[in-house]
């Protein structure tokens, strides 16, 4: 008999039940029907329970070629948004016995080294933001199931895509500002080659352009406060009529725009209304608090993980974009009368 401190094995279960190890594997793997008598299966289960037997999942996974590990590839973690995506994905993964490895792509975009000696051996699947898509070539190749986040459903690399309804978020922003009376817009766009930012630019131009007298001027900046400040300052000191509303692709860009406006002696929202997109903690840390679009990052991560689990199981993932919500705060108001 094995010492009390030794973990019981399938051989111990087989000996206690008076059956072969093969029969134990069939019963505990729930593949016994038609191959093992029901009374024998019950005897195996009872023996396993009495011995406190737990299968060696690591060894079993190696035999099955499954490690129950998923890679989440995101841009460099410069905001809490992608931390929320990870939290949501990891929560759903844990419910299904999976682990999630977080891999921030260097500099947010561009090629990344494979963090594993062999991705195919180490992973069951990948969830990736389109902002980090270039990192996939080294990590994934064409070998692993892939779910894309924030990605064009028509041209996605993945077996499934999960998107927030960013287009509707921009429509809500534009509708709010147009309703206040704004017609001259400055779009502070993220200088990142990504589908999600292309959608923001396209929707803003379409909505504002449909209104008589509506115009949008676009300037681009990397997603950093200092770059946003410099781009905003340059745009607002250029010749021509000054815009009355500044639409930012990201709350961090909006914070940089605030700095530029203060340097120029302009007040928010009296001289310039400003909007963001994300609803980061930053949105309520700046003064006045920022009108922005709330994105549910954790739900985004949850939906991404559920989609990958569906792909792994051969099921069709849940469809439909995740709704977003405009949160109106103190940074927007009617334009000053000319």
Protein backbone atom coordinates (compact mmCIF):
# COMPACT_ATOMS: atom_id res chain seq x y z
CA UNK A 1 0.00 0.00 0.00
CA UNK A 2 1.31 3.47 -0.87
CA UNK A 3 2.35 5.71 2.03
CA UNK A 4 -0.31 8.19 3.12
CA UNK A 5 1.78 11.12 1.90
CA UNK A 6 2.05 9.73 -1.67
CA UNK A 7 -0.48 10.94 -4.18
CA UNK A 8 -2.62 7.98 -5.35
CA UNK A 9 -2.12 6.94 -8.97
CA UNK A 10 -4.36 5.35 -11.57
CA UNK A 11 -2.53 2.10 -10.83
CA UNK A 12 -3.70 2.34 -7.20
CA UNK A 13 -7.28 2.89 -8.39
CA UNK A 14 -7.03 -0.07 -10.77
CA UNK A 15 -5.70 -2.31 -7.97
CA UNK A 16 -8.45 -1.22 -5.56
CA UNK A 17 -11.21 -1.72 -8.14
CA UNK A 18 -9.75 -4.97 -9.49
CA UNK A 19 -9.56 -3.70 -13.07
CA UNK A 20 -6.87 -2.70 -15.58
CA UNK A 21 -5.38 0.80 -15.79
CA UNK A 22 -6.89 1.06 -19.27
CA UNK A 23 -10.33 0.58 -17.76
CA UNK A 24 -9.62 3.29 -15.17
CA UNK A 25 -8.61 5.70 -17.96
CA UNK A 26 -11.78 4.95 -19.91
CA UNK A 27 -14.04 5.44 -16.90
CA UNK A 28 -12.42 8.60 -15.53
CA UNK A 29 -12.15 10.03 -19.05
CA UNK A 30 -15.90 9.36 -19.47
CA UNK A 31 -15.29 7.13 -22.49
CA UNK A 32 -16.39 3.84 -20.92
CA UNK A 33 -19.89 3.43 -22.39
CA UNK A 34 -20.04 0.37 -24.60
CA UNK A 35 -16.54 -0.68 -23.50
CA UNK A 36 -16.80 -1.19 -19.74
CA UNK A 37 -19.74 -2.63 -17.78
CA UNK A 38 -21.73 -0.03 -15.80
CA UNK A 39 -21.14 -1.92 -12.53
CA UNK A 40 -17.40 -1.90 -13.22
CA UNK A 41 -17.46 1.83 -14.00
CA UNK A 42 -19.20 2.49 -10.70
CA UNK A 43 -16.59 0.40 -8.86
CA UNK A 44 -13.80 2.45 -10.46
CA UNK A 45 -15.45 5.74 -9.53
CA UNK A 46 -15.96 4.58 -5.94
CA UNK A 47 -12.35 3.45 -5.63
CA UNK A 48 -11.07 6.75 -7.03
CA UNK A 49 -13.23 8.67 -4.57
CA UNK A 50 -12.16 6.61 -1.56
CA UNK A 51 -8.49 6.96 -2.48
CA UNK A 52 -8.80 10.71 -3.14
CA UNK A 53 -7.44 10.16 -6.63
CA UNK A 54 -7.04 13.24 -8.87
CA UNK A 55 -5.86 12.82 -12.47
CA UNK A 56 -2.52 14.33 -13.43
CA UNK A 57 -3.85 17.06 -15.71
CA UNK A 58 -0.41 18.13 -16.89
CA UNK A 59 0.42 14.65 -18.17
CA UNK A 60 -3.06 14.23 -19.62
CA UNK A 61 -2.84 17.53 -21.44
CA UNK A 62 0.53 16.62 -22.92
CA UNK A 63 -0.95 13.38 -24.26
CA UNK A 64 -3.92 15.24 -25.71
CA UNK A 65 -1.76 18.06 -27.12
CA UNK A 66 -3.67 20.61 -25.02
CA UNK A 67 -2.08 22.78 -22.34
CA UNK A 68 -5.24 24.77 -21.53
CA UNK A 69 -3.26 27.98 -21.93
CA UNK A 70 -4.24 31.00 -24.01
CA UNK A 71 -2.05 33.92 -25.06
CA UNK A 72 -3.56 37.43 -24.90
CA UNK A 73 -1.61 39.83 -27.14
CA UNK A 74 -2.25 43.53 -26.51
CA UNK A 75 -0.47 46.84 -27.17
CA UNK A 76 2.03 47.96 -24.56
CA UNK A 77 0.12 48.50 -21.30
CA UNK A 78 -0.01 52.28 -21.31
CA UNK A 79 -3.58 52.53 -19.94
CA UNK A 80 -5.79 50.46 -17.68
CA UNK A 81 -8.08 49.52 -20.59
CA UNK A 82 -6.12 46.43 -21.59
CA UNK A 83 -5.69 45.46 -17.94
CA UNK A 84 -9.49 45.32 -17.86
CA UNK A 85 -9.53 43.19 -21.02
CA UNK A 86 -7.11 40.77 -19.34
CA UNK A 87 -9.19 40.65 -16.14
CA UNK A 88 -12.34 39.74 -18.07
CA UNK A 89 -10.60 37.13 -20.22
CA UNK A 90 -8.84 35.53 -17.24
CA UNK A 91 -12.09 35.30 -15.27
CA UNK A 92 -13.87 33.35 -18.02
CA UNK A 93 -10.76 31.26 -18.68
CA UNK A 94 -10.55 30.22 -15.01
CA UNK A 95 -14.19 29.10 -15.07
CA UNK A 96 -13.23 26.65 -17.83
CA UNK A 97 -9.90 25.48 -16.42
CA UNK A 98 -7.75 27.64 -18.71
CA UNK A 99 -4.92 30.01 -17.87
CA UNK A 100 -4.14 33.27 -19.70
CA UNK A 101 -0.65 34.56 -20.44
CA UNK A 102 -0.53 38.31 -21.12
CA UNK A 103 1.92 39.44 -23.79
CA UNK A 104 2.23 43.20 -24.38
CA UNK A 105 3.62 43.88 -27.86
CA UNK A 106 6.77 46.04 -27.67
CA UNK A 107 6.03 49.72 -28.38
CA UNK A 108 2.37 48.80 -28.90
CA UNK A 109 2.88 47.84 -32.56
CA UNK A 110 5.47 46.11 -34.69
CA UNK A 111 7.04 42.65 -34.72
CA UNK A 112 7.56 40.83 -31.44
CA UNK A 113 9.75 37.87 -30.55
CA UNK A 114 7.98 34.65 -29.77
CA UNK A 115 7.89 34.47 -25.94
CA UNK A 116 7.84 30.66 -26.12
CA UNK A 117 10.34 28.22 -27.59
CA UNK A 118 7.46 26.68 -29.51
CA UNK A 119 4.11 28.48 -29.48
CA UNK A 120 2.35 25.46 -30.93
CA UNK A 121 3.49 23.30 -28.03
CA UNK A 122 2.82 25.90 -25.35
CA UNK A 123 -0.57 27.30 -26.35
CA UNK A 124 -4.08 26.27 -27.29
CA UNK A 125 -5.09 29.59 -28.81
CA UNK A 126 -4.50 33.32 -29.10
CA UNK A 127 -6.65 36.41 -28.46
CA UNK A 128 -5.15 39.55 -29.98
CA UNK A 129 -5.97 43.22 -30.34
CA UNK A 130 -5.71 44.54 -33.87
CA UNK A 131 -3.37 47.22 -32.48
CA UNK A 132 -0.87 44.43 -31.77
CA UNK A 133 -1.54 42.40 -34.92
CA UNK A 134 2.02 42.65 -36.25
CA UNK A 135 3.24 40.74 -33.21
CA UNK A 136 1.30 37.67 -34.33
CA UNK A 137 3.61 36.67 -37.16
CA UNK A 138 6.32 35.44 -34.79
CA UNK A 139 3.99 34.17 -32.08
CA UNK A 140 1.31 32.35 -33.99
CA UNK A 141 2.16 31.77 -37.64
CA UNK A 142 -0.91 29.98 -39.03
CA UNK A 143 -0.96 27.16 -36.51
CA UNK A 144 -3.20 28.26 -33.63
CA UNK A 145 -6.87 29.22 -33.28
CA UNK A 146 -7.08 33.01 -33.15
CA UNK A 147 -9.74 35.49 -32.02
CA UNK A 148 -9.21 39.13 -32.96
CA UNK A 149 -10.38 42.07 -30.85
CA UNK A 150 -11.08 45.48 -32.43
CA UNK A 151 -10.61 44.07 -35.90
CA UNK A 152 -12.31 44.44 -39.28
CA UNK A 153 -14.70 41.47 -39.46
CA UNK A 154 -14.39 41.46 -43.26
CA UNK A 155 -10.61 41.10 -43.34
CA UNK A 156 -9.79 39.59 -39.97
CA UNK A 157 -6.90 37.17 -39.53
CA UNK A 158 -8.90 35.29 -36.91
CA UNK A 159 -11.43 32.48 -36.79
CA UNK A 160 -13.67 35.00 -35.00
CA UNK A 161 -13.74 38.72 -34.22
CA UNK A 162 -15.13 40.51 -31.19
CA UNK A 163 -15.74 44.24 -31.41
CA UNK A 164 -16.99 47.08 -29.30
CA UNK A 165 -19.50 49.25 -31.16
CA UNK A 166 -16.94 52.01 -31.68
CA UNK A 167 -18.81 53.39 -34.69
CA UNK A 168 -21.88 54.00 -32.55
CA UNK A 169 -19.72 55.59 -29.85
CA UNK A 170 -18.42 58.13 -32.36
CA UNK A 171 -21.94 58.73 -33.65
CA UNK A 172 -23.04 59.46 -30.07
CA UNK A 173 -20.17 61.94 -29.61
CA UNK A 174 -20.91 63.68 -32.91
CA UNK A 175 -24.64 63.80 -32.21
CA UNK A 176 -24.03 65.32 -28.78
CA UNK A 177 -21.71 68.05 -30.11
CA UNK A 178 -23.85 68.82 -33.15
CA UNK A 179 -26.88 69.07 -30.88
CA UNK A 180 -25.03 71.68 -28.81
CA UNK A 181 -24.54 73.72 -31.99
CA UNK A 182 -20.94 72.87 -32.95
CA UNK A 183 -20.09 72.82 -36.67
CA UNK A 184 -16.29 73.27 -36.84
CA UNK A 185 -14.52 70.18 -35.50
CA UNK A 186 -10.89 69.31 -34.89
CA UNK A 187 -10.24 65.56 -34.77
CA UNK A 188 -7.17 64.63 -32.71
CA UNK A 189 -6.61 61.19 -34.18
CA UNK A 190 -4.37 58.45 -32.79
CA UNK A 191 -1.36 57.99 -35.05
CA UNK A 192 -1.69 54.21 -34.94
CA UNK A 193 -2.36 52.07 -38.05
CA UNK A 194 -5.37 50.20 -36.75
CA UNK A 195 -8.89 49.40 -37.93
CA UNK A 196 -10.50 50.80 -34.79
CA UNK A 197 -9.01 54.26 -35.40
CA UNK A 198 -9.96 54.16 -39.08
CA UNK A 199 -13.57 53.56 -37.99
CA UNK A 200 -13.48 56.58 -35.67
CA UNK A 201 -12.24 58.91 -38.41
CA UNK A 202 -14.72 57.60 -40.98
CA UNK A 203 -17.76 57.84 -38.71
CA UNK A 204 -16.91 61.34 -37.46
CA UNK A 205 -16.41 62.66 -41.00
CA UNK A 206 -19.65 61.06 -42.19
CA UNK A 207 -21.78 62.37 -39.35
CA UNK A 208 -20.42 65.92 -39.31
CA UNK A 209 -20.27 66.09 -43.11
CA UNK A 210 -24.00 65.31 -43.33
CA UNK A 211 -24.84 68.56 -41.49
CA UNK A 212 -24.87 71.89 -43.41
CA UNK A 213 -21.78 73.90 -42.48
CA UNK A 214 -20.16 70.93 -40.75
CA UNK A 215 -16.41 70.48 -41.21
CA UNK A 216 -13.71 68.26 -39.70
CA UNK A 217 -9.99 68.95 -39.71
CA UNK A 218 -7.78 66.04 -38.65
CA UNK A 219 -4.39 66.08 -36.94
CA UNK A 220 -2.56 62.98 -35.77
CA UNK A 221 -0.49 62.23 -32.69
CA UNK A 222 0.95 59.15 -30.99
CA UNK A 223 -1.05 58.20 -27.90
CA UNK A 224 0.90 60.21 -25.36
CA UNK A 225 0.03 63.36 -23.43
CA UNK A 226 3.04 65.34 -24.67
CA UNK A 227 2.52 64.40 -28.33
CA UNK A 228 -1.16 65.27 -28.05
CA UNK A 229 -0.29 68.64 -26.51
CA UNK A 230 2.13 69.49 -29.30
CA UNK A 231 -0.26 68.42 -32.09
CA UNK A 232 -3.17 70.36 -30.60
CA UNK A 233 -1.10 73.49 -30.06
CA UNK A 234 0.17 73.41 -33.65
CA UNK A 235 -3.34 72.88 -35.03
CA UNK A 236 -4.92 75.70 -33.06
CA UNK A 237 -2.23 78.25 -33.92
CA UNK A 238 -2.45 77.53 -37.66
CA UNK A 239 -4.21 80.06 -39.93
CA UNK A 240 -7.94 79.79 -40.56
CA UNK A 241 -11.16 79.68 -38.52
CA UNK A 242 -10.69 78.07 -35.11
CA UNK A 243 -12.75 74.94 -34.39
CA UNK A 244 -15.16 74.96 -31.46
CA UNK A 245 -15.09 71.24 -30.69
CA UNK A 246 -12.10 68.91 -30.29
CA UNK A 247 -12.85 65.19 -30.68
CA UNK A 248 -10.05 62.94 -29.35
CA UNK A 249 -9.62 59.27 -30.21
CA UNK A 250 -8.55 58.47 -26.65
CA UNK A 251 -8.80 59.98 -23.16
CA UNK A 252 -5.02 60.26 -22.96
CA UNK A 253 -5.01 62.39 -26.10
CA UNK A 254 -7.71 64.56 -24.52
CA UNK A 255 -5.52 65.13 -21.44
CA UNK A 256 -2.73 66.38 -23.71
CA UNK A 257 -5.20 68.61 -25.54
CA UNK A 258 -6.22 70.16 -22.19
CA UNK A 259 -2.59 71.19 -21.62
CA UNK A 260 -2.40 72.81 -25.04
CA UNK A 261 -5.63 74.72 -24.51
CA UNK A 262 -4.43 76.09 -21.17
CA UNK A 263 -1.12 77.21 -22.71
CA UNK A 264 -3.09 79.06 -25.39
CA UNK A 265 -5.33 80.73 -22.80
CA UNK A 266 -8.44 78.82 -23.94
CA UNK A 267 -11.00 77.50 -21.48
CA UNK A 268 -12.85 74.17 -21.57
CA UNK A 269 -15.73 74.16 -22.46
CA UNK A 270 -16.27 77.95 -22.82
CA UNK A 271 -13.83 78.35 -25.73
CA UNK A 272 -13.50 74.73 -26.80
CA UNK A 273 -15.52 71.59 -26.09
CA UNK A 274 -13.41 68.45 -25.74
CA UNK A 275 -14.40 64.77 -25.89
CA UNK A 276 -12.45 61.54 -25.36
CA UNK A 277 -13.07 57.85 -25.83
CA UNK A 278 -12.45 55.03 -23.29
CA UNK A 279 -13.64 56.49 -19.95
CA UNK A 280 -10.35 55.79 -18.21
CA UNK A 281 -9.75 56.89 -14.60
CA UNK A 282 -8.00 59.86 -16.19
CA UNK A 283 -11.35 61.16 -17.48
CA UNK A 284 -12.47 62.20 -14.00
CA UNK A 285 -8.99 63.24 -12.81
CA UNK A 286 -8.77 66.20 -15.19
CA UNK A 287 -10.74 69.42 -14.71
CA UNK A 288 -13.36 69.87 -15.99
CA UNK A 289 -14.18 66.17 -16.05
CA UNK A 290 -14.15 64.72 -19.55
CA UNK A 291 -17.16 63.88 -21.72
CA UNK A 292 -16.19 60.52 -23.18
CA UNK A 293 -17.41 57.13 -24.38
CA UNK A 294 -17.44 54.36 -21.81
CA UNK A 295 -16.06 51.04 -23.07
CA UNK A 296 -16.60 47.94 -20.94
CA UNK A 297 -13.07 46.50 -21.09
CA UNK A 298 -13.79 43.52 -18.84
CA UNK A 299 -16.84 42.50 -20.87
CA UNK A 300 -14.69 42.87 -23.98
CA UNK A 301 -12.15 40.42 -22.52
CA UNK A 302 -14.90 38.05 -21.41
CA UNK A 303 -16.46 37.98 -24.87
CA UNK A 304 -13.06 37.44 -26.48
CA UNK A 305 -12.35 34.45 -24.25
CA UNK A 306 -15.83 32.97 -24.77
CA UNK A 307 -15.35 33.32 -28.53
CA UNK A 308 -12.02 31.45 -28.38
CA UNK A 309 -13.54 28.69 -26.24
CA UNK A 310 -16.31 28.34 -28.83
CA UNK A 311 -13.74 28.10 -31.65
CA UNK A 312 -11.81 25.44 -29.72
CA UNK A 313 -15.05 23.48 -29.23
CA UNK A 314 -16.10 23.81 -32.86
CA UNK A 315 -19.06 26.07 -31.98
CA UNK A 316 -20.10 29.40 -33.54
CA UNK A 317 -19.17 32.29 -31.23
CA UNK A 318 -21.77 34.78 -30.05
CA UNK A 319 -22.29 37.56 -32.59
CA UNK A 320 -23.03 41.27 -32.31
CA UNK A 321 -20.91 44.21 -31.21
CA UNK A 322 -20.69 45.19 -27.53
CA UNK A 323 -22.69 48.39 -26.83
CA UNK A 324 -20.87 51.52 -25.65
CA UNK A 325 -22.19 54.56 -23.77
CA UNK A 326 -21.59 58.30 -24.03
CA UNK A 327 -20.91 59.81 -20.59
CA UNK A 328 -21.56 63.56 -20.63
CA UNK A 329 -19.49 65.58 -18.15
CA UNK A 330 -18.22 69.14 -17.86
CA UNK A 331 -15.93 69.35 -20.90
CA UNK A 332 -18.70 69.99 -23.45
CA UNK A 333 -21.08 72.90 -23.87
CA UNK A 334 -22.53 75.17 -26.57
CA UNK A 335 -20.04 77.05 -28.75
CA UNK A 336 -19.32 80.66 -27.90
CA UNK A 337 -21.38 83.03 -30.07
CA UNK A 338 -19.25 84.39 -32.91
